[in-house]
N, C-alpha and C. Protein backbone atom coordinates (compact mmCIF):
# COMPACT_ATOMS: atom_id res chain seq x y z
N MET A 1 18.09 -0.44 -16.91
CA MET A 1 16.86 -0.09 -16.23
C MET A 1 16.35 -1.29 -15.44
N PHE A 2 15.75 -1.00 -14.29
CA PHE A 2 15.18 -2.03 -13.45
C PHE A 2 13.68 -2.11 -13.71
N ASP A 3 13.16 -3.31 -13.79
CA ASP A 3 11.74 -3.52 -14.06
C ASP A 3 11.10 -4.14 -12.82
N PRO A 4 10.34 -3.35 -12.05
CA PRO A 4 9.74 -3.88 -10.81
C PRO A 4 8.85 -5.10 -11.03
N GLY A 5 8.12 -5.16 -12.14
CA GLY A 5 7.28 -6.32 -12.41
C GLY A 5 8.09 -7.60 -12.55
N LYS A 6 9.21 -7.52 -13.27
CA LYS A 6 10.07 -8.69 -13.44
C LYS A 6 10.72 -9.09 -12.11
N ILE A 7 11.04 -8.10 -11.28
CA ILE A 7 11.62 -8.41 -9.96
C ILE A 7 10.59 -9.14 -9.10
N LEU A 8 9.31 -8.70 -9.13
CA LEU A 8 8.27 -9.40 -8.36
C LEU A 8 8.01 -10.79 -8.93
N ASP A 9 8.08 -10.95 -10.25
CA ASP A 9 7.94 -12.28 -10.85
C ASP A 9 9.03 -13.21 -10.33
N HIS A 10 10.26 -12.71 -10.31
CA HIS A 10 11.39 -13.50 -9.82
C HIS A 10 11.21 -13.82 -8.33
N THR A 11 10.80 -12.82 -7.56
CA THR A 11 10.60 -13.02 -6.12
C THR A 11 9.52 -14.08 -5.88
N ARG A 12 8.43 -13.99 -6.63
CA ARG A 12 7.36 -14.99 -6.50
C ARG A 12 7.91 -16.38 -6.76
N GLN A 13 8.66 -16.54 -7.84
CA GLN A 13 9.20 -17.86 -8.18
C GLN A 13 10.10 -18.40 -7.07
N ARG A 14 10.93 -17.53 -6.53
CA ARG A 14 11.84 -17.96 -5.44
C ARG A 14 11.05 -18.35 -4.18
N LEU A 15 9.99 -17.59 -3.87
CA LEU A 15 9.15 -17.93 -2.72
C LEU A 15 8.48 -19.29 -2.92
N ILE A 16 7.96 -19.52 -4.10
CA ILE A 16 7.30 -20.79 -4.39
C ILE A 16 8.29 -21.94 -4.25
N GLU A 17 9.49 -21.76 -4.78
CA GLU A 17 10.51 -22.82 -4.73
C GLU A 17 10.97 -23.10 -3.30
N ASN A 18 10.98 -22.07 -2.46
CA ASN A 18 11.60 -22.22 -1.14
C ASN A 18 10.65 -22.34 0.04
N ILE A 19 9.42 -21.83 -0.07
CA ILE A 19 8.55 -21.91 1.11
C ILE A 19 7.17 -22.51 0.85
N SER A 20 6.75 -22.61 -0.37
CA SER A 20 5.40 -23.12 -0.66
C SER A 20 5.47 -24.63 -0.81
N LYS A 21 5.30 -25.32 0.29
CA LYS A 21 5.39 -26.77 0.31
C LYS A 21 4.00 -27.37 0.44
N GLU A 22 3.86 -28.58 -0.03
CA GLU A 22 2.63 -29.36 0.12
C GLU A 22 1.40 -28.63 -0.39
N GLY A 23 1.55 -27.85 -1.46
CA GLY A 23 0.40 -27.21 -2.09
C GLY A 23 -0.14 -25.98 -1.37
N HIS A 24 0.52 -25.56 -0.30
CA HIS A 24 0.06 -24.37 0.41
C HIS A 24 0.23 -23.13 -0.44
N GLN A 25 -0.71 -22.24 -0.33
CA GLN A 25 -0.63 -20.98 -1.08
C GLN A 25 -0.06 -19.90 -0.17
N ASP A 26 1.26 -19.85 -0.10
CA ASP A 26 1.95 -18.87 0.75
C ASP A 26 2.39 -17.69 -0.10
N GLY A 27 2.22 -16.51 0.43
CA GLY A 27 2.64 -15.32 -0.29
C GLY A 27 2.45 -14.07 0.55
N MET A 28 2.66 -12.95 -0.09
CA MET A 28 2.55 -11.67 0.61
C MET A 28 2.07 -10.62 -0.38
N ASP A 29 1.58 -9.54 0.17
CA ASP A 29 1.25 -8.37 -0.63
C ASP A 29 2.48 -7.47 -0.64
N GLY A 30 2.60 -6.63 -1.64
CA GLY A 30 3.73 -5.72 -1.65
C GLY A 30 3.73 -4.78 -2.83
N ILE A 31 4.54 -3.75 -2.68
CA ILE A 31 4.74 -2.75 -3.73
C ILE A 31 6.24 -2.53 -3.86
N LEU A 32 6.73 -2.57 -5.08
CA LEU A 32 8.14 -2.31 -5.35
C LEU A 32 8.22 -1.11 -6.28
N ILE A 33 9.03 -0.11 -5.90
CA ILE A 33 9.12 1.11 -6.70
C ILE A 33 10.55 1.37 -7.13
N CYS A 34 10.69 2.07 -8.25
CA CYS A 34 11.99 2.47 -8.78
C CYS A 34 11.88 3.94 -9.19
N PHE A 35 12.78 4.76 -8.70
CA PHE A 35 12.75 6.20 -8.97
C PHE A 35 13.68 6.56 -10.12
N ASP A 36 13.21 7.43 -10.98
CA ASP A 36 14.03 8.06 -12.02
C ASP A 36 13.92 9.57 -11.76
N LYS A 37 14.80 10.07 -10.91
CA LYS A 37 14.74 11.48 -10.50
C LYS A 37 15.05 12.42 -11.66
N THR A 38 15.86 11.97 -12.60
CA THR A 38 16.22 12.81 -13.74
C THR A 38 14.99 13.16 -14.57
N ASN A 39 14.10 12.20 -14.76
CA ASN A 39 12.92 12.40 -15.60
C ASN A 39 11.62 12.52 -14.79
N ASN A 40 11.73 12.65 -13.47
CA ASN A 40 10.55 12.75 -12.59
C ASN A 40 9.55 11.63 -12.86
N LYS A 41 10.06 10.39 -12.86
CA LYS A 41 9.22 9.23 -13.09
C LYS A 41 9.41 8.22 -11.96
N VAL A 42 8.34 7.50 -11.69
CA VAL A 42 8.39 6.35 -10.80
C VAL A 42 7.82 5.17 -11.58
N THR A 43 8.55 4.06 -11.58
CA THR A 43 7.97 2.81 -12.08
C THR A 43 7.71 1.95 -10.86
N TYR A 44 6.63 1.18 -10.91
CA TYR A 44 6.30 0.34 -9.78
C TYR A 44 5.54 -0.89 -10.23
N SER A 45 5.51 -1.86 -9.36
CA SER A 45 4.68 -3.04 -9.51
C SER A 45 4.08 -3.32 -8.15
N ALA A 46 2.82 -3.76 -8.14
CA ALA A 46 2.14 -3.94 -6.87
C ALA A 46 1.31 -5.22 -6.87
N GLY A 47 1.46 -5.99 -5.81
CA GLY A 47 0.64 -7.17 -5.58
C GLY A 47 -0.37 -6.87 -4.50
N HIS A 48 -1.61 -6.72 -4.86
CA HIS A 48 -2.77 -6.45 -4.01
C HIS A 48 -2.88 -5.00 -3.52
N ASN A 49 -1.86 -4.43 -2.95
CA ASN A 49 -1.97 -3.10 -2.34
C ASN A 49 -1.77 -2.00 -3.37
N ASN A 50 -2.76 -1.11 -3.48
CA ASN A 50 -2.66 -0.02 -4.45
C ASN A 50 -1.88 1.15 -3.87
N PRO A 51 -0.86 1.62 -4.59
CA PRO A 51 -0.22 2.88 -4.19
C PRO A 51 -1.22 4.02 -4.39
N VAL A 52 -1.01 5.10 -3.65
CA VAL A 52 -1.88 6.27 -3.76
C VAL A 52 -1.01 7.49 -4.02
N LEU A 53 -1.30 8.21 -5.09
CA LEU A 53 -0.58 9.43 -5.44
C LEU A 53 -1.52 10.61 -5.21
N ILE A 54 -1.03 11.59 -4.46
CA ILE A 54 -1.76 12.83 -4.26
C ILE A 54 -0.97 13.92 -4.98
N ASN A 55 -1.61 14.53 -5.99
CA ASN A 55 -0.95 15.59 -6.75
C ASN A 55 -1.94 16.73 -7.02
N LYS A 56 -1.60 17.62 -7.92
CA LYS A 56 -2.47 18.77 -8.21
C LYS A 56 -3.85 18.35 -8.72
N ASN A 57 -3.95 17.13 -9.24
CA ASN A 57 -5.22 16.61 -9.72
C ASN A 57 -6.02 15.91 -8.61
N GLY A 58 -5.45 15.86 -7.41
CA GLY A 58 -6.15 15.25 -6.29
C GLY A 58 -5.69 13.83 -5.99
N LEU A 59 -6.64 13.02 -5.56
CA LEU A 59 -6.40 11.65 -5.13
C LEU A 59 -6.37 10.72 -6.34
N ASN A 60 -5.28 9.98 -6.49
CA ASN A 60 -5.13 9.02 -7.59
C ASN A 60 -4.79 7.66 -7.01
N ILE A 61 -5.75 6.75 -7.08
CA ILE A 61 -5.51 5.38 -6.61
C ILE A 61 -4.92 4.63 -7.79
N LEU A 62 -3.67 4.23 -7.65
CA LEU A 62 -2.93 3.63 -8.75
C LEU A 62 -3.23 2.13 -8.84
N PRO A 63 -3.12 1.56 -10.04
CA PRO A 63 -3.47 0.14 -10.21
C PRO A 63 -2.49 -0.80 -9.52
N ALA A 64 -3.04 -1.94 -9.13
CA ALA A 64 -2.25 -3.04 -8.56
C ALA A 64 -2.78 -4.33 -9.16
N ASP A 65 -1.90 -5.32 -9.29
CA ASP A 65 -2.34 -6.64 -9.72
C ASP A 65 -3.03 -7.32 -8.54
N LYS A 66 -4.16 -7.93 -8.78
CA LYS A 66 -4.94 -8.57 -7.72
C LYS A 66 -4.47 -10.00 -7.51
N MET A 67 -3.22 -10.10 -7.08
CA MET A 67 -2.64 -11.39 -6.76
C MET A 67 -1.47 -11.16 -5.81
N PRO A 68 -1.16 -12.16 -4.98
CA PRO A 68 -0.05 -12.01 -4.05
C PRO A 68 1.29 -12.30 -4.72
N ILE A 69 2.33 -11.94 -4.03
CA ILE A 69 3.68 -12.30 -4.44
C ILE A 69 3.94 -13.64 -3.77
N GLY A 70 3.75 -14.71 -4.50
CA GLY A 70 3.86 -16.06 -3.95
C GLY A 70 2.91 -16.98 -4.66
N LYS A 71 2.66 -18.14 -4.07
CA LYS A 71 1.83 -19.15 -4.71
C LYS A 71 0.35 -18.78 -4.58
N SER A 72 -0.34 -18.81 -5.72
CA SER A 72 -1.78 -18.57 -5.74
C SER A 72 -2.35 -19.16 -7.01
N ASP A 73 -3.66 -19.06 -7.15
CA ASP A 73 -4.31 -19.56 -8.37
C ASP A 73 -3.98 -18.69 -9.58
N LYS A 74 -3.58 -17.45 -9.33
CA LYS A 74 -3.25 -16.52 -10.42
C LYS A 74 -1.76 -16.62 -10.71
N THR A 75 -1.44 -16.75 -11.99
CA THR A 75 -0.04 -16.96 -12.37
C THR A 75 0.45 -15.99 -13.43
N GLN A 76 -0.35 -14.99 -13.78
CA GLN A 76 0.11 -14.05 -14.79
C GLN A 76 1.30 -13.24 -14.27
N THR A 77 2.02 -12.62 -15.18
CA THR A 77 3.17 -11.83 -14.77
C THR A 77 2.69 -10.53 -14.13
N PHE A 78 3.53 -9.99 -13.26
CA PHE A 78 3.21 -8.72 -12.62
C PHE A 78 3.38 -7.58 -13.62
N SER A 79 2.47 -6.63 -13.56
CA SER A 79 2.52 -5.46 -14.43
C SER A 79 3.51 -4.44 -13.86
N THR A 80 4.16 -3.73 -14.76
CA THR A 80 4.99 -2.59 -14.36
C THR A 80 4.29 -1.34 -14.84
N HIS A 81 4.10 -0.40 -13.93
CA HIS A 81 3.42 0.86 -14.24
C HIS A 81 4.41 2.01 -14.12
N GLU A 82 4.14 3.07 -14.84
CA GLU A 82 4.99 4.26 -14.80
C GLU A 82 4.12 5.48 -14.55
N ILE A 83 4.58 6.33 -13.64
CA ILE A 83 3.86 7.58 -13.37
C ILE A 83 4.85 8.74 -13.41
N GLN A 84 4.37 9.86 -13.86
CA GLN A 84 5.13 11.11 -13.81
C GLN A 84 4.78 11.81 -12.50
N PHE A 85 5.72 12.50 -11.94
CA PHE A 85 5.43 13.26 -10.73
C PHE A 85 6.04 14.64 -10.81
N GLU A 86 5.51 15.51 -9.97
CA GLU A 86 6.04 16.86 -9.82
C GLU A 86 6.52 17.03 -8.38
N LYS A 87 7.37 18.01 -8.20
CA LYS A 87 7.90 18.29 -6.87
C LYS A 87 6.74 18.47 -5.89
N ASP A 88 6.89 17.85 -4.72
CA ASP A 88 5.95 17.91 -3.60
C ASP A 88 4.70 17.06 -3.77
N ASP A 89 4.56 16.29 -4.86
CA ASP A 89 3.51 15.27 -4.90
C ASP A 89 3.79 14.30 -3.75
N MET A 90 2.74 13.65 -3.25
CA MET A 90 2.90 12.65 -2.19
C MET A 90 2.52 11.28 -2.73
N LEU A 91 3.37 10.30 -2.45
CA LEU A 91 3.11 8.92 -2.82
C LEU A 91 3.00 8.11 -1.54
N PHE A 92 1.87 7.44 -1.35
CA PHE A 92 1.65 6.61 -0.17
C PHE A 92 1.63 5.15 -0.58
N LEU A 93 2.36 4.32 0.18
CA LEU A 93 2.45 2.89 -0.07
C LEU A 93 2.00 2.17 1.21
N PRO A 94 0.72 1.82 1.31
CA PRO A 94 0.21 1.21 2.54
C PRO A 94 0.10 -0.31 2.46
N THR A 95 0.23 -0.95 3.61
CA THR A 95 -0.21 -2.34 3.72
C THR A 95 -1.71 -2.30 4.01
N ASP A 96 -2.32 -3.45 4.13
CA ASP A 96 -3.75 -3.48 4.41
C ASP A 96 -4.08 -3.41 5.91
N GLY A 97 -3.05 -3.33 6.74
CA GLY A 97 -3.27 -3.38 8.18
C GLY A 97 -4.09 -2.22 8.73
N TYR A 98 -3.84 -1.01 8.26
CA TYR A 98 -4.56 0.17 8.75
C TYR A 98 -6.03 0.08 8.35
N SER A 99 -6.29 -0.18 7.09
CA SER A 99 -7.67 -0.20 6.61
C SER A 99 -8.46 -1.40 7.14
N ASP A 100 -7.78 -2.49 7.50
CA ASP A 100 -8.45 -3.67 8.04
C ASP A 100 -8.62 -3.64 9.55
N GLN A 101 -8.12 -2.58 10.19
CA GLN A 101 -8.18 -2.51 11.66
C GLN A 101 -9.62 -2.30 12.13
N PHE A 102 -10.02 -3.14 13.06
CA PHE A 102 -11.35 -3.00 13.67
C PHE A 102 -11.33 -1.90 14.71
N GLY A 103 -12.44 -1.22 14.83
CA GLY A 103 -12.56 -0.16 15.83
C GLY A 103 -13.86 0.56 15.67
N GLY A 104 -13.78 1.87 15.84
CA GLY A 104 -14.98 2.67 15.73
C GLY A 104 -15.71 2.79 17.04
N THR A 105 -14.96 2.83 18.14
CA THR A 105 -15.58 2.96 19.45
C THR A 105 -16.55 4.13 19.43
N GLY A 106 -17.74 3.92 19.93
CA GLY A 106 -18.75 4.96 19.94
C GLY A 106 -19.70 4.86 18.76
N LEU A 107 -19.32 4.10 17.74
CA LEU A 107 -20.21 3.89 16.61
C LEU A 107 -21.21 2.79 16.96
N LYS A 108 -22.29 2.79 16.30
CA LYS A 108 -23.29 1.73 16.50
C LYS A 108 -23.48 1.03 15.17
N PRO A 109 -23.12 -0.21 14.98
CA PRO A 109 -22.38 -1.01 15.94
C PRO A 109 -20.88 -0.73 15.84
N ALA A 110 -20.19 -0.89 16.93
CA ALA A 110 -18.73 -0.75 16.96
C ALA A 110 -18.12 -2.02 16.37
N GLY A 111 -16.83 -1.97 16.10
CA GLY A 111 -16.14 -3.15 15.61
C GLY A 111 -16.10 -3.26 14.10
N LYS A 112 -16.23 -2.16 13.41
CA LYS A 112 -16.14 -2.15 11.94
C LYS A 112 -14.70 -1.92 11.52
N LYS A 113 -14.38 -2.31 10.28
CA LYS A 113 -13.06 -2.03 9.72
C LYS A 113 -12.97 -0.55 9.36
N PHE A 114 -11.74 -0.01 9.40
CA PHE A 114 -11.52 1.39 9.03
C PHE A 114 -11.84 1.62 7.55
N LYS A 115 -11.50 0.69 6.71
CA LYS A 115 -11.76 0.65 5.26
C LYS A 115 -10.75 1.47 4.45
N ARG A 116 -10.46 0.94 3.29
CA ARG A 116 -9.47 1.56 2.39
C ARG A 116 -9.95 2.92 1.88
N SER A 117 -11.24 3.06 1.63
CA SER A 117 -11.74 4.35 1.14
C SER A 117 -11.51 5.46 2.17
N ASN A 118 -11.67 5.14 3.45
CA ASN A 118 -11.41 6.14 4.50
C ASN A 118 -9.93 6.46 4.60
N LEU A 119 -9.08 5.44 4.44
CA LEU A 119 -7.64 5.67 4.47
C LEU A 119 -7.21 6.54 3.30
N ASN A 120 -7.72 6.26 2.12
CA ASN A 120 -7.37 7.07 0.95
C ASN A 120 -7.79 8.52 1.14
N GLN A 121 -8.98 8.73 1.70
CA GLN A 121 -9.43 10.11 1.97
C GLN A 121 -8.54 10.78 3.01
N LEU A 122 -8.12 10.02 4.00
CA LEU A 122 -7.21 10.55 5.00
C LEU A 122 -5.89 10.98 4.35
N PHE A 123 -5.37 10.17 3.42
CA PHE A 123 -4.15 10.56 2.69
C PHE A 123 -4.36 11.90 2.00
N ALA A 124 -5.48 12.06 1.34
CA ALA A 124 -5.77 13.32 0.63
C ALA A 124 -5.85 14.48 1.62
N ASP A 125 -6.47 14.25 2.76
CA ASP A 125 -6.66 15.30 3.76
C ASP A 125 -5.34 15.77 4.38
N ILE A 126 -4.38 14.86 4.55
CA ILE A 126 -3.14 15.22 5.25
C ILE A 126 -1.98 15.50 4.31
N SER A 127 -2.14 15.31 3.02
CA SER A 127 -1.02 15.33 2.08
C SER A 127 -0.26 16.64 2.01
N LYS A 128 -0.90 17.75 2.34
CA LYS A 128 -0.22 19.06 2.30
C LYS A 128 0.52 19.37 3.60
N ASN A 129 0.29 18.57 4.63
CA ASN A 129 0.99 18.77 5.91
C ASN A 129 2.44 18.33 5.79
N SER A 130 3.25 18.71 6.76
CA SER A 130 4.62 18.21 6.79
C SER A 130 4.57 16.70 7.00
N VAL A 131 5.63 16.02 6.60
CA VAL A 131 5.68 14.58 6.73
C VAL A 131 5.54 14.18 8.20
N LYS A 132 6.16 14.91 9.10
CA LYS A 132 6.06 14.61 10.54
C LYS A 132 4.61 14.76 11.01
N ASP A 133 3.94 15.82 10.58
CA ASP A 133 2.53 16.01 10.96
C ASP A 133 1.65 14.91 10.37
N GLN A 134 1.97 14.44 9.17
CA GLN A 134 1.23 13.33 8.57
C GLN A 134 1.34 12.09 9.45
N GLN A 135 2.56 11.81 9.88
CA GLN A 135 2.80 10.64 10.74
C GLN A 135 2.00 10.75 12.02
N THR A 136 2.05 11.89 12.65
CA THR A 136 1.33 12.10 13.91
C THR A 136 -0.17 11.92 13.71
N LYS A 137 -0.70 12.51 12.65
CA LYS A 137 -2.14 12.41 12.36
C LYS A 137 -2.54 10.95 12.12
N LEU A 138 -1.77 10.23 11.33
CA LEU A 138 -2.07 8.82 11.06
C LEU A 138 -2.05 7.99 12.34
N GLU A 139 -1.05 8.24 13.20
CA GLU A 139 -0.96 7.50 14.46
C GLU A 139 -2.13 7.82 15.38
N ASN A 140 -2.48 9.10 15.50
CA ASN A 140 -3.57 9.51 16.39
C ASN A 140 -4.92 8.99 15.92
N ILE A 141 -5.18 9.08 14.64
CA ILE A 141 -6.46 8.60 14.12
C ILE A 141 -6.58 7.09 14.29
N LEU A 142 -5.49 6.37 14.04
CA LEU A 142 -5.53 4.92 14.23
C LEU A 142 -5.79 4.57 15.70
N SER A 143 -5.10 5.25 16.59
CA SER A 143 -5.29 4.99 18.03
C SER A 143 -6.72 5.27 18.46
N ASP A 144 -7.26 6.39 18.01
CA ASP A 144 -8.65 6.73 18.34
C ASP A 144 -9.61 5.70 17.75
N TRP A 145 -9.37 5.30 16.52
CA TRP A 145 -10.25 4.33 15.85
C TRP A 145 -10.22 2.98 16.57
N LYS A 146 -9.00 2.53 16.85
CA LYS A 146 -8.81 1.21 17.43
C LYS A 146 -9.43 1.11 18.82
N GLY A 147 -9.31 2.17 19.60
CA GLY A 147 -9.85 2.14 20.95
C GLY A 147 -9.32 0.94 21.72
N GLU A 148 -10.22 0.14 22.24
CA GLU A 148 -9.85 -1.05 23.03
C GLU A 148 -9.69 -2.31 22.17
N PHE A 149 -9.90 -2.18 20.85
CA PHE A 149 -9.77 -3.35 20.00
C PHE A 149 -8.31 -3.72 19.83
N GLU A 150 -8.04 -5.01 19.73
CA GLU A 150 -6.69 -5.51 19.53
C GLU A 150 -6.25 -5.23 18.09
N GLN A 151 -4.96 -4.93 17.91
CA GLN A 151 -4.44 -4.75 16.56
C GLN A 151 -4.44 -6.10 15.86
N VAL A 152 -5.01 -6.15 14.64
CA VAL A 152 -5.23 -7.42 13.96
C VAL A 152 -4.14 -7.79 12.95
N ASP A 153 -3.32 -6.83 12.54
CA ASP A 153 -2.35 -7.10 11.48
C ASP A 153 -1.20 -6.10 11.62
N ASP A 154 -0.12 -6.37 10.87
CA ASP A 154 0.95 -5.38 10.83
C ASP A 154 0.43 -4.15 10.10
N ILE A 155 0.95 -3.00 10.49
CA ILE A 155 0.53 -1.74 9.87
C ILE A 155 1.77 -0.99 9.43
N THR A 156 1.89 -0.80 8.13
CA THR A 156 2.99 -0.03 7.58
C THR A 156 2.45 0.90 6.51
N ILE A 157 2.84 2.16 6.60
CA ILE A 157 2.54 3.13 5.55
C ILE A 157 3.83 3.87 5.26
N VAL A 158 4.26 3.81 4.02
CA VAL A 158 5.41 4.58 3.59
C VAL A 158 4.86 5.78 2.82
N GLY A 159 5.18 6.97 3.29
CA GLY A 159 4.80 8.19 2.60
C GLY A 159 6.05 8.88 2.05
N ILE A 160 6.03 9.19 0.78
CA ILE A 160 7.21 9.78 0.13
C ILE A 160 6.81 11.10 -0.51
N LYS A 161 7.46 12.17 -0.06
CA LYS A 161 7.26 13.46 -0.72
C LYS A 161 8.21 13.48 -1.90
N LEU A 162 7.61 13.50 -3.09
CA LEU A 162 8.41 13.42 -4.32
C LEU A 162 9.02 14.75 -4.72
């Protein structure tokens, strides 16, 4: 069996050994998942970014460790979590780029962040759509939100229909 928490611990150690020089706190956020299709289980470990599961019970914001994968003041081991899933549940794995994007053209005042709570609600709203329609909706809403504002960060969302 693969343990995502132990893999992130190892990755953190390798990053510290190879890129964290002169006391700099270099690292990244991330989510690592492992599928057990036989038992309808997902194990995962997450640094900063919370995975989101949409199932028959609605919106489930899954836990993440509040530390980066890399050098930081926090040194505890990464947690490994396990979730059960059913066919057609949706699992979203976002970076912080979408929720941190400034925009809101037409709002007073404009230039606010999209926010994680709005992104999570958007996941719930689109989760029953086809994966292609979800992608289109996410792209269109981001474009409308961003307006003339410059993109401030990388934006990645992995959506998996389980």
